[in-house]
N, C-alpha and C. Protein backbone atom coordinates (compact mmCIF):
# COMPACT_ATOMS: atom_id res chain seq x y z
N UNK A 1 -21.55 9.72 35.93
CA UNK A 1 -20.29 8.20 35.35
C UNK A 1 -20.81 8.52 34.31
N UNK A 2 -19.78 8.39 33.05
CA UNK A 2 -19.52 8.74 31.71
C UNK A 2 -19.20 7.42 30.94
N UNK A 3 -19.94 6.87 29.87
CA UNK A 3 -19.18 6.11 29.25
C UNK A 3 -18.63 6.88 28.08
N UNK A 4 -17.23 6.05 27.61
CA UNK A 4 -16.76 6.25 26.34
C UNK A 4 -16.54 5.05 25.68
N UNK A 5 -17.12 6.05 23.99
CA UNK A 5 -17.10 4.00 23.04
C UNK A 5 -16.21 4.65 21.88
N UNK A 6 -15.09 4.15 21.84
CA UNK A 6 -14.45 3.89 20.94
C UNK A 6 -14.56 3.46 19.93
N UNK A 7 -14.79 3.38 18.33
CA UNK A 7 -14.93 2.94 17.29
C UNK A 7 -14.15 2.52 16.52
N UNK A 8 -13.75 2.11 15.63
CA UNK A 8 -12.31 1.45 14.83
C UNK A 8 -12.69 2.89 13.81
N UNK A 9 -12.22 3.20 12.87
CA UNK A 9 -12.13 4.31 12.02
C UNK A 9 -12.02 3.15 10.67
N UNK A 10 -13.20 3.31 10.14
CA UNK A 10 -13.30 2.29 8.79
C UNK A 10 -12.55 3.02 7.91
N UNK A 11 -11.98 4.57 7.70
CA UNK A 11 -11.33 4.98 6.61
C UNK A 11 -10.36 4.46 6.37
N UNK A 12 -9.59 4.51 5.32
CA UNK A 12 -7.82 4.20 5.19
C UNK A 12 -6.89 5.05 5.94
N UNK A 13 -6.20 4.29 6.14
CA UNK A 13 -5.61 5.09 7.03
C UNK A 13 -3.77 4.37 6.60
N UNK A 14 -3.17 5.84 5.87
CA UNK A 14 -1.93 5.69 5.41
C UNK A 14 -1.17 7.05 5.28
N UNK A 15 0.33 6.67 5.69
CA UNK A 15 1.00 7.78 6.10
C UNK A 15 1.58 8.35 4.97
N UNK A 16 2.22 9.09 4.14
CA UNK A 16 2.80 9.26 3.37
C UNK A 16 3.79 10.21 3.36
N UNK A 17 5.27 9.85 3.76
CA UNK A 17 5.70 10.97 3.90
C UNK A 17 6.13 11.85 2.57
N UNK A 18 6.27 13.55 2.88
CA UNK A 18 6.81 13.95 2.07
C UNK A 18 7.80 14.24 1.29
N UNK A 19 8.96 14.08 2.04
CA UNK A 19 10.34 13.99 1.71
C UNK A 19 11.09 12.65 2.36
N UNK A 20 12.19 12.81 1.65
CA UNK A 20 13.16 11.46 1.92
C UNK A 20 14.58 11.92 1.70
N UNK A 21 15.93 11.55 2.05
CA UNK A 21 17.12 12.06 2.15
C UNK A 21 17.90 10.92 1.73
N UNK A 22 17.82 9.78 0.94
CA UNK A 22 18.74 8.94 0.45
C UNK A 22 20.13 9.48 0.63
N UNK A 23 21.10 9.93 1.29
CA UNK A 23 22.45 10.55 1.56
C UNK A 23 23.38 9.56 2.16
N UNK A 24 23.30 8.52 2.79
CA UNK A 24 24.21 7.94 3.73
C UNK A 24 24.16 8.24 4.80
N UNK A 25 23.45 9.08 5.13
CA UNK A 25 23.40 9.59 6.59
C UNK A 25 22.44 8.50 8.02
N UNK A 26 22.16 7.77 7.32
CA UNK A 26 21.22 6.57 7.72
C UNK A 26 20.31 6.96 8.53
N UNK A 27 19.43 8.13 7.49
CA UNK A 27 18.56 9.11 8.35
C UNK A 27 17.63 9.00 6.89
N UNK A 28 16.29 8.66 7.34
CA UNK A 28 14.97 8.51 5.91
C UNK A 28 16.09 8.45 5.00
N UNK A 29 16.77 7.42 5.08
CA UNK A 29 17.43 6.47 3.55
C UNK A 29 16.38 6.38 2.48
N UNK A 30 14.82 5.54 3.06
CA UNK A 30 14.29 5.05 1.97
C UNK A 30 13.11 5.56 1.93
N UNK A 31 12.15 5.82 0.95
CA UNK A 31 10.66 6.27 1.19
C UNK A 31 9.35 5.41 1.07
N UNK A 32 9.14 5.00 2.38
CA UNK A 32 7.97 3.94 2.45
C UNK A 32 7.13 4.32 3.22
N UNK A 33 5.62 3.76 2.52
CA UNK A 33 4.17 4.57 3.10
C UNK A 33 4.05 3.80 4.34
N UNK A 34 3.67 4.48 5.45
CA UNK A 34 3.51 4.16 6.63
C UNK A 34 1.40 4.06 6.68
N UNK A 35 1.46 3.37 7.93
CA UNK A 35 0.05 3.66 8.62
C UNK A 35 -0.67 2.09 8.98
N UNK A 36 -1.81 1.87 9.46
CA UNK A 36 -2.36 0.84 9.58
C UNK A 36 -2.81 -0.02 8.35
N UNK A 37 -2.76 0.69 7.54
CA UNK A 37 -3.07 -0.03 6.21
C UNK A 37 -2.01 -0.22 5.34
N UNK A 38 -0.76 0.28 5.53
CA UNK A 38 0.37 0.00 4.54
C UNK A 38 0.40 -1.26 4.19
N UNK A 39 0.07 -2.32 4.87
CA UNK A 39 -0.12 -3.75 4.26
C UNK A 39 -0.74 -4.09 3.44
N UNK A 40 -2.04 -3.28 3.12
CA UNK A 40 -2.83 -3.72 2.16
C UNK A 40 -2.79 -2.79 0.86
N UNK A 41 -1.27 -2.25 0.87
CA UNK A 41 -0.89 -1.66 -0.62
C UNK A 41 -0.65 -2.92 -1.55
N UNK A 42 -1.28 -2.54 -2.86
CA UNK A 42 -1.37 -3.53 -3.53
C UNK A 42 -0.29 -3.09 -4.69
N UNK A 43 0.20 -1.81 -5.24
CA UNK A 43 0.88 -1.77 -6.10
C UNK A 43 1.43 -0.07 -5.35
N UNK A 44 2.39 0.00 -6.35
CA UNK A 44 2.95 1.68 -6.18
C UNK A 44 4.24 2.08 -7.85
N UNK A 45 3.67 2.92 -8.17
CA UNK A 45 4.52 3.63 -8.95
C UNK A 45 4.86 5.10 -8.88
N UNK A 46 6.05 5.48 -8.75
CA UNK A 46 6.21 6.95 -8.98
C UNK A 46 7.48 7.35 -10.04
N UNK A 47 7.07 8.24 -10.56
CA UNK A 47 6.74 9.24 -11.80
C UNK A 47 7.91 10.20 -11.45
N UNK A 48 8.76 10.90 -11.96
CA UNK A 48 9.77 12.05 -12.20
C UNK A 48 8.73 12.94 -12.63
N UNK A 49 9.70 14.43 -12.37
CA UNK A 49 8.81 15.54 -12.84
C UNK A 49 8.91 15.49 -14.42
N UNK A 50 8.81 14.16 -15.13
CA UNK A 50 8.74 14.69 -16.70
C UNK A 50 7.75 13.46 -16.65
N UNK A 51 6.88 12.83 -15.84
CA UNK A 51 5.87 11.60 -16.08
C UNK A 51 6.60 10.45 -16.58
N UNK A 52 7.84 10.26 -16.48
CA UNK A 52 8.99 8.89 -16.57
C UNK A 52 8.65 8.09 -15.23
N UNK A 53 8.18 7.02 -15.24
CA UNK A 53 8.57 6.00 -14.60
C UNK A 53 9.70 5.76 -13.65
N UNK A 54 9.87 5.35 -12.51
CA UNK A 54 10.90 5.60 -12.19
C UNK A 54 11.31 4.36 -11.17
N UNK A 55 10.10 3.81 -10.90
CA UNK A 55 9.89 2.91 -9.74
C UNK A 55 8.87 2.11 -9.50
N UNK A 56 8.46 0.82 -10.04
CA UNK A 56 6.99 -0.03 -9.68
C UNK A 56 7.78 -1.28 -9.14
N UNK A 57 6.76 -1.48 -7.94
CA UNK A 57 6.93 -2.72 -7.39
C UNK A 57 5.23 -2.93 -6.92
N UNK A 58 5.01 -4.58 -6.69
CA UNK A 58 3.46 -5.10 -5.95
C UNK A 58 4.20 -4.77 -4.69
N UNK A 59 3.12 -3.99 -4.13
CA UNK A 59 3.37 -4.17 -2.50
C UNK A 59 3.65 -2.77 -1.86
N UNK A 60 4.21 -2.90 -0.53
CA UNK A 60 4.89 -1.87 0.01
C UNK A 60 6.42 -2.10 0.03
N UNK A 61 7.10 -1.87 -0.87
CA UNK A 61 8.47 -2.49 -0.92
C UNK A 61 9.12 -0.82 -0.70
N UNK A 62 10.02 -0.30 -0.14
CA UNK A 62 10.92 0.72 0.10
C UNK A 62 11.49 1.15 -1.22
N UNK A 63 11.24 2.69 -1.25
CA UNK A 63 12.25 3.21 -2.57
C UNK A 63 13.59 4.01 -2.09
N UNK A 64 14.69 3.34 -2.74
CA UNK A 64 15.95 4.16 -2.20
C UNK A 64 16.47 5.11 -2.96
N UNK A 65 15.41 5.54 -4.42
CA UNK A 65 16.04 6.48 -5.02
C UNK A 65 17.26 6.20 -5.84
N UNK A 66 17.66 5.49 -5.67
CA UNK A 66 18.67 5.19 -6.58
C UNK A 66 18.37 5.60 -7.86
N UNK A 67 20.08 6.58 -8.68
CA UNK A 67 20.02 7.03 -9.34
C UNK A 67 19.07 8.20 -9.79
N UNK A 68 18.49 8.72 -9.06
CA UNK A 68 17.27 9.69 -9.32
C UNK A 68 17.92 10.86 -8.77
N UNK A 69 17.93 11.63 -9.80
CA UNK A 69 18.10 13.41 -9.06
C UNK A 69 17.09 14.01 -7.94
N UNK A 70 17.87 15.02 -7.46
CA UNK A 70 17.08 15.62 -5.74
C UNK A 70 15.72 16.63 -6.86
N UNK A 71 14.51 16.40 -6.45
CA UNK A 71 13.96 17.02 -6.76
C UNK A 71 12.16 16.31 -6.44
N UNK A 72 11.29 16.56 -7.23
CA UNK A 72 9.75 16.46 -7.05
C UNK A 72 9.39 15.05 -7.97
N UNK A 73 8.77 13.98 -6.98
CA UNK A 73 7.99 13.02 -7.29
C UNK A 73 6.72 12.93 -7.27
N UNK A 74 5.97 12.20 -8.00
CA UNK A 74 4.55 11.53 -7.72
C UNK A 74 4.80 9.89 -7.26
N UNK A 75 4.24 10.13 -6.26
CA UNK A 75 3.45 8.58 -6.20
C UNK A 75 1.83 8.15 -6.62
N UNK A 76 2.08 7.02 -7.08
CA UNK A 76 0.66 6.55 -6.72
C UNK A 76 0.47 5.04 -6.66
N UNK A 77 -0.60 4.94 -5.68
CA UNK A 77 -0.48 3.92 -5.09
C UNK A 77 -2.09 3.11 -4.77
N UNK A 78 -1.93 2.46 -5.23
CA UNK A 78 -3.07 1.01 -5.32
C UNK A 78 -3.69 0.44 -4.13
N UNK A 79 -5.07 0.66 -3.68
CA UNK A 79 -5.15 -0.19 -2.20
C UNK A 79 -6.88 0.10 -2.49
N UNK A 80 -6.99 -1.71 -2.60
CA UNK A 80 -8.18 -1.95 -2.72
C UNK A 80 -9.30 -1.59 -4.17
N UNK A 81 -8.62 -1.39 -5.16
CA UNK A 81 -8.86 -0.84 -6.40
C UNK A 81 -9.22 0.75 -6.20
N UNK A 82 -8.41 1.38 -5.25
CA UNK A 82 -8.09 3.21 -5.16
C UNK A 82 -7.09 3.39 -5.56
N UNK A 83 -6.87 4.67 -6.30
CA UNK A 83 -5.72 5.01 -6.35
C UNK A 83 -5.38 6.24 -5.45
N UNK A 84 -4.70 6.44 -4.75
CA UNK A 84 -3.91 7.31 -4.67
C UNK A 84 -2.99 8.28 -4.88
N UNK A 85 -2.64 9.42 -5.17
CA UNK A 85 -1.41 10.34 -5.69
C UNK A 85 -0.93 11.56 -4.87
N UNK A 86 0.41 11.18 -4.61
CA UNK A 86 0.87 12.42 -3.23
C UNK A 86 2.24 12.59 -4.32
N UNK A 87 3.11 13.85 -3.66
CA UNK A 87 4.19 14.11 -3.73
C UNK A 87 4.91 13.78 -2.62
N UNK A 88 6.26 13.65 -3.31
CA UNK A 88 7.49 13.28 -2.95
C UNK A 88 8.77 14.54 -3.14
N UNK A 89 9.27 14.90 -1.96
CA UNK A 89 10.74 15.47 -2.29
C UNK A 89 11.77 14.63 -2.10
N UNK A 90 12.66 14.42 -3.25
CA UNK A 90 14.06 13.87 -2.77
C UNK A 90 15.04 14.66 -2.34
N UNK A 91 15.70 14.52 -2.02
CA UNK A 91 16.68 15.73 -1.42
C UNK A 91 17.98 15.24 -1.09
N UNK A 92 18.73 15.23 -1.37
CA UNK A 92 20.45 14.57 -1.83
C UNK A 92 21.42 15.15 -0.88
């Protein structure tokens, strides 16, 4: 007889896609953060390679990359007074 105890993970669980392709083929058209705690995202800011703000929103609202060039971007996400920074590659 074995007993298995599964405890809920206390760590923040977010999924940050590394790439998206807003090219009109209906696959990966927007950048959106997923995961169990995605609904707890308070604020998102996306910067281009020169540090210019290209997108800012309260909540977990998808970014369509409109008027942005192919390249590397940085996403800054605020959840529970913590900041998480990841890179994004936009491919058209």
